[in-house]
């Protein structure tokens, strides 16, 4: 997260989100491969642990911290506090739900299917960010607000 704080103003919010979602998707591919191999060799263990560490790092560099900053920039000042409270609540509720349901889903679906689904959601995140998220790096709040106003 500290690395993300340093990179947000250098690289931009959008690029961090894109690479974060992409890194999370790649890490789930490692998890799917590791789950598909029935061997308990150290290579499978390293692949699985490496994939998990890559997932956590990818999340911490973008998807975790960037929404907190990006959301505060894209909402108009008259609704910023309420909109931020709502959005961050939704963000944390979904994080809580993933943590709460992960082991149950892993048991019910199996590792390959669950990680494949998570990877698919990450790729949808890449597509969504690429298409719908505006880069706010280097712009004032007034410039951002004008850019997001509906065009007549």
N, C-alpha and C. Protein backbone atom coordinates (compact mmCIF):
# COMPACT_ATOMS: atom_id res chain seq x y z
N UNK A 1 0.82 -1.20 0.00
CA UNK A 1 0.00 0.00 0.00
C UNK A 1 0.86 1.26 0.00
N UNK A 2 2.00 1.21 0.72
CA UNK A 2 2.89 2.38 0.71
C UNK A 2 3.48 2.59 -0.68
N UNK A 3 3.76 1.49 -1.36
CA UNK A 3 4.26 1.59 -2.74
C UNK A 3 3.18 2.24 -3.62
N UNK A 4 1.93 1.83 -3.42
CA UNK A 4 0.82 2.40 -4.20
C UNK A 4 0.69 3.89 -3.95
N UNK A 5 0.86 4.32 -2.71
CA UNK A 5 0.77 5.75 -2.40
C UNK A 5 1.80 6.54 -3.18
N UNK A 6 2.99 5.98 -3.31
CA UNK A 6 4.05 6.67 -4.05
C UNK A 6 3.77 6.66 -5.55
N UNK A 7 3.17 5.57 -6.04
CA UNK A 7 2.98 5.42 -7.48
C UNK A 7 1.72 6.10 -8.02
N UNK A 8 0.76 6.39 -7.15
CA UNK A 8 -0.51 6.97 -7.63
C UNK A 8 -0.30 8.28 -8.37
N UNK A 9 0.58 9.14 -7.85
CA UNK A 9 0.80 10.42 -8.51
C UNK A 9 1.83 10.33 -9.63
N UNK A 10 2.67 9.30 -9.61
CA UNK A 10 3.67 9.15 -10.68
C UNK A 10 3.09 8.44 -11.89
N UNK A 11 2.43 7.31 -11.67
CA UNK A 11 1.90 6.52 -12.79
C UNK A 11 0.45 6.85 -13.11
N UNK A 12 -0.32 7.18 -12.10
CA UNK A 12 -1.74 7.46 -12.30
C UNK A 12 -2.61 6.37 -11.71
N UNK A 13 -3.83 6.75 -11.41
CA UNK A 13 -4.77 5.82 -10.76
C UNK A 13 -5.22 4.73 -11.72
N UNK A 14 -5.51 5.12 -12.95
CA UNK A 14 -6.04 4.16 -13.92
C UNK A 14 -5.04 3.05 -14.23
N UNK A 15 -3.80 3.41 -14.45
CA UNK A 15 -2.78 2.40 -14.78
C UNK A 15 -2.55 1.46 -13.61
N UNK A 16 -2.60 1.98 -12.38
CA UNK A 16 -2.46 1.11 -11.20
C UNK A 16 -3.62 0.13 -11.10
N UNK A 17 -4.83 0.62 -11.37
CA UNK A 17 -5.99 -0.27 -11.34
C UNK A 17 -5.90 -1.34 -12.42
N UNK A 18 -5.51 -0.93 -13.63
CA UNK A 18 -5.39 -1.89 -14.74
C UNK A 18 -4.38 -2.98 -14.41
N UNK A 19 -3.18 -2.58 -13.98
CA UNK A 19 -2.15 -3.57 -13.69
C UNK A 19 -2.49 -4.39 -12.45
N UNK A 20 -3.20 -3.80 -11.52
CA UNK A 20 -3.61 -4.52 -10.33
C UNK A 20 -4.59 -5.64 -10.68
N UNK A 21 -5.63 -5.30 -11.42
CA UNK A 21 -6.59 -6.32 -11.84
C UNK A 21 -5.93 -7.38 -12.72
N UNK A 22 -5.04 -6.95 -13.62
CA UNK A 22 -4.35 -7.90 -14.49
C UNK A 22 -3.44 -8.82 -13.68
N UNK A 23 -2.70 -8.27 -12.73
CA UNK A 23 -1.85 -9.09 -11.87
C UNK A 23 -2.65 -10.08 -11.05
N UNK A 24 -3.81 -9.66 -10.58
CA UNK A 24 -4.68 -10.57 -9.83
C UNK A 24 -5.18 -11.70 -10.74
N UNK A 25 -5.50 -11.38 -11.99
CA UNK A 25 -5.96 -12.40 -12.93
C UNK A 25 -4.85 -13.41 -13.22
N UNK A 26 -3.63 -12.92 -13.43
CA UNK A 26 -2.50 -13.83 -13.69
C UNK A 26 -2.25 -14.72 -12.48
N UNK A 27 -2.33 -14.14 -11.30
CA UNK A 27 -2.09 -14.94 -10.10
C UNK A 27 -3.14 -16.05 -9.93
N UNK A 28 -4.37 -15.78 -10.35
CA UNK A 28 -5.39 -16.84 -10.26
C UNK A 28 -5.12 -17.94 -11.28
N UNK A 29 -4.48 -17.61 -12.41
CA UNK A 29 -4.08 -18.64 -13.37
C UNK A 29 -3.07 -19.57 -12.70
N UNK A 30 -2.12 -18.99 -11.95
CA UNK A 30 -1.16 -19.83 -11.23
C UNK A 30 -1.88 -20.74 -10.24
N UNK A 31 -2.89 -20.22 -9.58
CA UNK A 31 -3.65 -21.02 -8.61
C UNK A 31 -4.42 -22.14 -9.30
N UNK A 32 -5.00 -21.85 -10.45
CA UNK A 32 -5.74 -22.89 -11.20
C UNK A 32 -4.78 -23.99 -11.64
N UNK A 33 -3.61 -23.61 -12.14
CA UNK A 33 -2.63 -24.61 -12.58
C UNK A 33 -2.18 -25.45 -11.39
N UNK A 34 -1.86 -24.81 -10.27
CA UNK A 34 -1.41 -25.53 -9.08
C UNK A 34 -2.49 -26.47 -8.56
N UNK A 35 -3.75 -26.04 -8.60
CA UNK A 35 -4.84 -26.88 -8.13
C UNK A 35 -5.07 -28.06 -9.06
N UNK A 36 -4.77 -27.90 -10.34
CA UNK A 36 -4.98 -28.97 -11.30
C UNK A 36 -3.90 -30.04 -11.25
N UNK A 37 -2.76 -29.71 -10.71
CA UNK A 37 -1.68 -30.69 -10.60
C UNK A 37 -1.87 -31.51 -9.33
N UNK A 38 -1.94 -32.80 -9.47
CA UNK A 38 -2.23 -33.64 -8.31
C UNK A 38 -0.99 -33.93 -7.47
N UNK A 39 0.15 -33.57 -7.97
CA UNK A 39 1.39 -33.84 -7.26
C UNK A 39 1.54 -32.90 -6.07
N UNK A 40 2.21 -33.37 -5.04
CA UNK A 40 2.47 -32.53 -3.87
C UNK A 40 3.95 -32.14 -3.82
N UNK A 41 4.55 -31.97 -4.97
CA UNK A 41 5.96 -31.60 -5.02
C UNK A 41 6.13 -30.15 -4.61
N UNK A 42 7.37 -29.79 -4.36
CA UNK A 42 7.64 -28.42 -3.94
C UNK A 42 7.32 -27.42 -5.05
N UNK A 43 7.42 -27.84 -6.32
CA UNK A 43 7.10 -26.94 -7.42
C UNK A 43 5.65 -26.49 -7.39
N UNK A 44 4.74 -27.41 -7.11
CA UNK A 44 3.32 -27.08 -7.01
C UNK A 44 3.08 -26.16 -5.81
N UNK A 45 3.77 -26.43 -4.72
CA UNK A 45 3.64 -25.60 -3.53
C UNK A 45 4.13 -24.17 -3.81
N UNK A 46 5.28 -24.06 -4.46
CA UNK A 46 5.81 -22.73 -4.80
C UNK A 46 4.88 -21.99 -5.76
N UNK A 47 4.31 -22.71 -6.71
CA UNK A 47 3.38 -22.09 -7.66
C UNK A 47 2.15 -21.55 -6.94
N UNK A 48 1.62 -22.35 -6.02
CA UNK A 48 0.44 -21.95 -5.28
C UNK A 48 0.73 -20.77 -4.33
N UNK A 49 1.78 -20.88 -3.56
CA UNK A 49 2.13 -19.80 -2.63
C UNK A 49 2.53 -18.55 -3.40
N UNK A 50 3.29 -18.72 -4.48
CA UNK A 50 3.68 -17.59 -5.31
C UNK A 50 2.47 -16.89 -5.91
N UNK A 51 1.50 -17.68 -6.37
CA UNK A 51 0.27 -17.09 -6.90
C UNK A 51 -0.50 -16.31 -5.85
N UNK A 52 -0.54 -16.85 -4.63
CA UNK A 52 -1.26 -16.16 -3.55
C UNK A 52 -0.54 -14.86 -3.17
N UNK A 53 0.78 -14.91 -3.08
CA UNK A 53 1.54 -13.70 -2.76
C UNK A 53 1.40 -12.65 -3.86
N UNK A 54 1.40 -13.10 -5.11
CA UNK A 54 1.21 -12.18 -6.23
C UNK A 54 -0.18 -11.55 -6.18
N UNK A 55 -1.19 -12.33 -5.81
CA UNK A 55 -2.55 -11.81 -5.69
C UNK A 55 -2.61 -10.71 -4.64
N UNK A 56 -2.04 -10.99 -3.47
CA UNK A 56 -2.05 -10.01 -2.37
C UNK A 56 -1.29 -8.75 -2.77
N UNK A 57 -0.11 -8.91 -3.39
CA UNK A 57 0.67 -7.75 -3.82
C UNK A 57 -0.10 -6.95 -4.87
N UNK A 58 -0.69 -7.64 -5.84
CA UNK A 58 -1.44 -6.95 -6.90
C UNK A 58 -2.62 -6.18 -6.32
N UNK A 59 -3.32 -6.78 -5.36
CA UNK A 59 -4.44 -6.09 -4.72
C UNK A 59 -3.94 -4.87 -3.95
N UNK A 60 -2.84 -5.03 -3.22
CA UNK A 60 -2.33 -3.96 -2.37
C UNK A 60 -1.78 -2.79 -3.18
N UNK A 61 -1.39 -3.03 -4.42
CA UNK A 61 -0.79 -1.96 -5.22
C UNK A 61 -1.85 -1.13 -5.96
N UNK A 62 -3.07 -1.64 -6.07
CA UNK A 62 -4.06 -0.91 -6.85
C UNK A 62 -5.49 -1.01 -6.36
N UNK A 63 -6.06 -2.18 -6.47
CA UNK A 63 -7.48 -2.35 -6.19
C UNK A 63 -7.82 -2.04 -4.73
N UNK A 64 -6.89 -2.28 -3.82
CA UNK A 64 -7.13 -1.97 -2.41
C UNK A 64 -7.15 -0.48 -2.13
N UNK A 65 -6.04 0.24 -2.39
CA UNK A 65 -5.98 1.65 -1.98
C UNK A 65 -6.50 2.67 -3.00
N UNK A 66 -6.43 2.38 -4.28
CA UNK A 66 -6.77 3.40 -5.29
C UNK A 66 -8.23 3.87 -5.22
N UNK A 67 -9.20 2.97 -5.02
CA UNK A 67 -10.58 3.48 -4.97
C UNK A 67 -10.81 4.55 -3.91
N UNK A 68 -10.13 4.46 -2.79
CA UNK A 68 -10.28 5.48 -1.74
C UNK A 68 -9.91 6.86 -2.23
N UNK A 69 -8.87 6.96 -3.03
CA UNK A 69 -8.46 8.25 -3.58
C UNK A 69 -9.30 8.63 -4.79
N UNK A 70 -9.49 7.69 -5.68
CA UNK A 70 -10.21 7.97 -6.93
C UNK A 70 -11.65 8.41 -6.66
N UNK A 71 -12.31 7.75 -5.75
CA UNK A 71 -13.70 8.11 -5.45
C UNK A 71 -13.79 9.51 -4.87
N UNK A 72 -12.82 9.88 -4.05
CA UNK A 72 -12.87 11.23 -3.47
C UNK A 72 -12.65 12.30 -4.53
N UNK A 73 -12.08 11.93 -5.66
CA UNK A 73 -11.83 12.90 -6.72
C UNK A 73 -12.97 13.01 -7.72
N UNK A 74 -13.72 11.94 -7.92
CA UNK A 74 -14.71 11.97 -9.00
C UNK A 74 -16.09 12.46 -8.59
N UNK A 75 -16.37 12.50 -7.28
CA UNK A 75 -17.68 12.97 -6.86
C UNK A 75 -17.70 14.49 -6.72
N UNK A 76 -18.82 15.12 -7.12
CA UNK A 76 -18.94 16.57 -6.93
C UNK A 76 -18.88 16.91 -5.43
N UNK A 77 -18.38 18.06 -5.11
CA UNK A 77 -18.17 18.43 -3.70
C UNK A 77 -19.46 18.43 -2.88
N UNK A 78 -20.59 18.72 -3.51
CA UNK A 78 -21.85 18.80 -2.76
C UNK A 78 -22.32 17.44 -2.24
N UNK A 79 -21.88 16.34 -2.86
CA UNK A 79 -22.30 15.01 -2.40
C UNK A 79 -21.10 14.13 -2.02
N UNK A 80 -19.91 14.67 -2.03
CA UNK A 80 -18.69 13.88 -1.85
C UNK A 80 -18.71 13.05 -0.57
N UNK A 81 -19.04 13.64 0.55
CA UNK A 81 -18.97 12.93 1.83
C UNK A 81 -19.93 11.75 1.87
N UNK A 82 -21.18 11.97 1.47
CA UNK A 82 -22.16 10.88 1.50
C UNK A 82 -21.84 9.81 0.47
N UNK A 83 -21.43 10.22 -0.71
CA UNK A 83 -21.11 9.26 -1.77
C UNK A 83 -19.88 8.42 -1.38
N UNK A 84 -18.88 9.07 -0.79
CA UNK A 84 -17.69 8.34 -0.33
C UNK A 84 -18.05 7.34 0.76
N UNK A 85 -18.88 7.76 1.69
CA UNK A 85 -19.28 6.87 2.77
C UNK A 85 -20.01 5.65 2.21
N UNK A 86 -20.91 5.88 1.27
CA UNK A 86 -21.64 4.76 0.67
C UNK A 86 -20.71 3.84 -0.10
N UNK A 87 -19.90 4.40 -0.97
CA UNK A 87 -19.02 3.58 -1.83
C UNK A 87 -17.99 2.80 -1.02
N UNK A 88 -17.39 3.43 -0.04
CA UNK A 88 -16.40 2.71 0.76
C UNK A 88 -17.06 1.66 1.64
N UNK A 89 -18.29 1.90 2.05
CA UNK A 89 -19.02 0.87 2.80
C UNK A 89 -19.27 -0.35 1.92
N UNK A 90 -19.70 -0.12 0.69
CA UNK A 90 -19.91 -1.21 -0.25
C UNK A 90 -18.59 -1.95 -0.50
N UNK A 91 -17.51 -1.21 -0.70
CA UNK A 91 -16.18 -1.78 -0.92
C UNK A 91 -15.80 -2.73 0.23
N UNK A 92 -15.96 -2.27 1.45
CA UNK A 92 -15.57 -3.08 2.60
C UNK A 92 -16.55 -4.23 2.86
N UNK A 93 -17.82 -4.03 2.58
CA UNK A 93 -18.77 -5.14 2.74
C UNK A 93 -18.43 -6.26 1.78
N UNK A 94 -18.10 -5.92 0.53
CA UNK A 94 -17.73 -6.97 -0.42
C UNK A 94 -16.40 -7.64 -0.04
N UNK A 95 -15.45 -6.87 0.47
CA UNK A 95 -14.21 -7.48 0.96
C UNK A 95 -14.51 -8.44 2.10
N UNK A 96 -15.39 -8.04 3.00
CA UNK A 96 -15.79 -8.90 4.12
C UNK A 96 -16.47 -10.16 3.61
N UNK A 97 -17.35 -10.02 2.63
CA UNK A 97 -18.07 -11.17 2.09
C UNK A 97 -17.12 -12.17 1.43
N UNK A 98 -16.14 -11.67 0.71
CA UNK A 98 -15.15 -12.56 0.09
C UNK A 98 -14.42 -13.33 1.18
N UNK A 99 -13.97 -12.63 2.21
CA UNK A 99 -13.28 -13.31 3.31
C UNK A 99 -14.17 -14.30 4.04
N UNK A 100 -15.42 -13.96 4.21
CA UNK A 100 -16.34 -14.82 4.93
C UNK A 100 -16.71 -16.07 4.12
N UNK A 101 -16.91 -15.92 2.84
CA UNK A 101 -17.42 -17.02 2.02
C UNK A 101 -16.34 -17.81 1.28
N UNK A 102 -15.11 -17.33 1.28
CA UNK A 102 -14.09 -17.96 0.46
C UNK A 102 -13.90 -19.44 0.77
N UNK A 103 -13.71 -19.78 2.02
CA UNK A 103 -13.47 -21.19 2.36
C UNK A 103 -14.67 -22.07 2.05
N UNK A 104 -15.86 -21.55 2.28
CA UNK A 104 -17.07 -22.31 1.96
C UNK A 104 -17.18 -22.55 0.45
N UNK A 105 -16.92 -21.51 -0.32
CA UNK A 105 -16.96 -21.64 -1.79
C UNK A 105 -15.86 -22.58 -2.29
N UNK A 106 -14.71 -22.52 -1.66
CA UNK A 106 -13.61 -23.41 -2.03
C UNK A 106 -13.99 -24.86 -1.81
N UNK A 107 -14.67 -25.11 -0.71
CA UNK A 107 -15.14 -26.46 -0.39
C UNK A 107 -16.21 -26.93 -1.39
N UNK A 108 -17.14 -26.06 -1.70
CA UNK A 108 -18.26 -26.42 -2.58
C UNK A 108 -17.86 -26.52 -4.06
N UNK A 109 -17.03 -25.60 -4.52
CA UNK A 109 -16.74 -25.51 -5.94
C UNK A 109 -15.42 -26.15 -6.34
N UNK A 110 -14.50 -26.22 -5.43
CA UNK A 110 -13.17 -26.70 -5.76
C UNK A 110 -12.29 -25.53 -6.15
N UNK A 111 -11.00 -25.73 -5.98
CA UNK A 111 -10.04 -24.63 -6.19
C UNK A 111 -10.00 -24.17 -7.64
N UNK A 112 -10.00 -25.09 -8.58
CA UNK A 112 -9.88 -24.68 -9.98
C UNK A 112 -11.03 -23.80 -10.43
N UNK A 113 -12.24 -24.21 -10.14
CA UNK A 113 -13.41 -23.43 -10.57
C UNK A 113 -13.47 -22.09 -9.85
N UNK A 114 -13.22 -22.09 -8.55
CA UNK A 114 -13.29 -20.84 -7.79
C UNK A 114 -12.25 -19.84 -8.27
N UNK A 115 -11.01 -20.29 -8.44
CA UNK A 115 -9.97 -19.37 -8.91
C UNK A 115 -10.22 -18.94 -10.36
N UNK A 116 -10.78 -19.81 -11.16
CA UNK A 116 -11.12 -19.42 -12.54
C UNK A 116 -12.19 -18.33 -12.53
N UNK A 117 -13.17 -18.46 -11.64
CA UNK A 117 -14.19 -17.42 -11.51
C UNK A 117 -13.59 -16.10 -11.03
N UNK A 118 -12.74 -16.17 -10.02
CA UNK A 118 -12.11 -14.95 -9.52
C UNK A 118 -11.25 -14.29 -10.60
N UNK A 119 -10.54 -15.09 -11.36
CA UNK A 119 -9.74 -14.56 -12.46
C UNK A 119 -10.60 -13.90 -13.52
N UNK A 120 -11.75 -14.51 -13.79
CA UNK A 120 -12.68 -13.92 -14.76
C UNK A 120 -13.19 -12.56 -14.26
N UNK A 121 -13.53 -12.48 -12.98
CA UNK A 121 -13.96 -11.20 -12.41
C UNK A 121 -12.85 -10.15 -12.52
N UNK A 122 -11.62 -10.58 -12.33
CA UNK A 122 -10.48 -9.65 -12.46
C UNK A 122 -10.35 -9.15 -13.89
N UNK A 123 -10.53 -10.03 -14.87
CA UNK A 123 -10.47 -9.61 -16.27
C UNK A 123 -11.62 -8.67 -16.62
N UNK A 124 -12.79 -8.90 -16.04
CA UNK A 124 -13.91 -7.97 -16.21
C UNK A 124 -13.53 -6.62 -15.61
N UNK A 125 -12.82 -6.65 -14.47
CA UNK A 125 -12.34 -5.41 -13.86
C UNK A 125 -11.40 -4.65 -14.78
N UNK A 126 -10.50 -5.39 -15.47
CA UNK A 126 -9.59 -4.75 -16.43
C UNK A 126 -10.39 -4.05 -17.52
N UNK A 127 -11.36 -4.76 -18.08
CA UNK A 127 -12.17 -4.20 -19.16
C UNK A 127 -12.97 -2.99 -18.67
N UNK A 128 -13.53 -3.08 -17.47
CA UNK A 128 -14.31 -1.98 -16.92
C UNK A 128 -13.45 -0.74 -16.71
N UNK A 129 -12.29 -0.92 -16.09
CA UNK A 129 -11.41 0.22 -15.82
C UNK A 129 -10.94 0.85 -17.12
N UNK A 130 -10.57 0.01 -18.07
CA UNK A 130 -10.07 0.52 -19.35
C UNK A 130 -11.11 1.37 -20.05
N UNK A 131 -12.36 0.96 -19.94
CA UNK A 131 -13.44 1.63 -20.68
C UNK A 131 -14.09 2.77 -19.92
N UNK A 132 -14.19 2.66 -18.59
CA UNK A 132 -15.04 3.58 -17.84
C UNK A 132 -14.36 4.48 -16.83
N UNK A 133 -13.11 4.22 -16.51
CA UNK A 133 -12.46 5.02 -15.46
C UNK A 133 -11.62 6.12 -16.10
N UNK A 134 -11.84 7.31 -15.62
CA UNK A 134 -11.10 8.48 -16.11
C UNK A 134 -9.83 8.65 -15.29
N UNK A 135 -8.73 8.99 -15.97
CA UNK A 135 -7.48 9.27 -15.25
C UNK A 135 -7.59 10.64 -14.61
N UNK A 136 -7.31 10.72 -13.32
CA UNK A 136 -7.42 11.98 -12.58
C UNK A 136 -6.07 12.54 -12.17
N UNK A 137 -5.01 11.84 -12.50
CA UNK A 137 -3.65 12.29 -12.12
C UNK A 137 -3.37 13.67 -12.71
N UNK A 138 -2.92 14.58 -11.86
CA UNK A 138 -2.52 15.90 -12.33
C UNK A 138 -3.66 16.86 -12.62
N UNK A 139 -4.89 16.48 -12.28
CA UNK A 139 -6.03 17.36 -12.55
C UNK A 139 -6.58 17.90 -11.23
N UNK A 140 -7.09 19.10 -11.28
CA UNK A 140 -7.73 19.66 -10.09
C UNK A 140 -9.13 19.07 -9.95
N UNK A 141 -9.69 19.19 -8.75
CA UNK A 141 -11.04 18.69 -8.53
C UNK A 141 -12.05 19.39 -9.44
N UNK A 142 -11.82 20.67 -9.71
CA UNK A 142 -12.72 21.42 -10.59
C UNK A 142 -12.64 20.90 -12.02
N UNK A 143 -11.44 20.61 -12.50
CA UNK A 143 -11.28 20.06 -13.85
C UNK A 143 -11.95 18.69 -13.98
N UNK A 144 -11.82 17.88 -12.96
CA UNK A 144 -12.44 16.56 -12.97
C UNK A 144 -13.96 16.68 -12.98
N UNK A 145 -14.48 17.58 -12.14
CA UNK A 145 -15.93 17.77 -12.06
C UNK A 145 -16.50 18.24 -13.40
N UNK A 146 -15.81 19.15 -14.07
CA UNK A 146 -16.26 19.64 -15.38
C UNK A 146 -16.22 18.52 -16.41
N UNK A 147 -15.16 17.72 -16.39
CA UNK A 147 -15.02 16.62 -17.35
C UNK A 147 -16.10 15.57 -17.17
N UNK A 148 -16.60 15.41 -15.95
CA UNK A 148 -17.61 14.37 -15.69
C UNK A 148 -19.04 14.86 -15.83
N UNK A 149 -19.21 16.16 -16.06
CA UNK A 149 -20.57 16.68 -16.27
C UNK A 149 -21.16 16.10 -17.56
N UNK A 150 -22.45 15.81 -17.56
CA UNK A 150 -23.08 15.31 -18.79
C UNK A 150 -23.00 16.35 -19.90
N UNK A 151 -22.64 15.91 -21.08
CA UNK A 151 -22.56 16.81 -22.22
C UNK A 151 -23.95 17.00 -22.82
N UNK A 152 -24.30 18.23 -23.16
CA UNK A 152 -25.63 18.52 -23.70
C UNK A 152 -25.68 18.37 -25.18
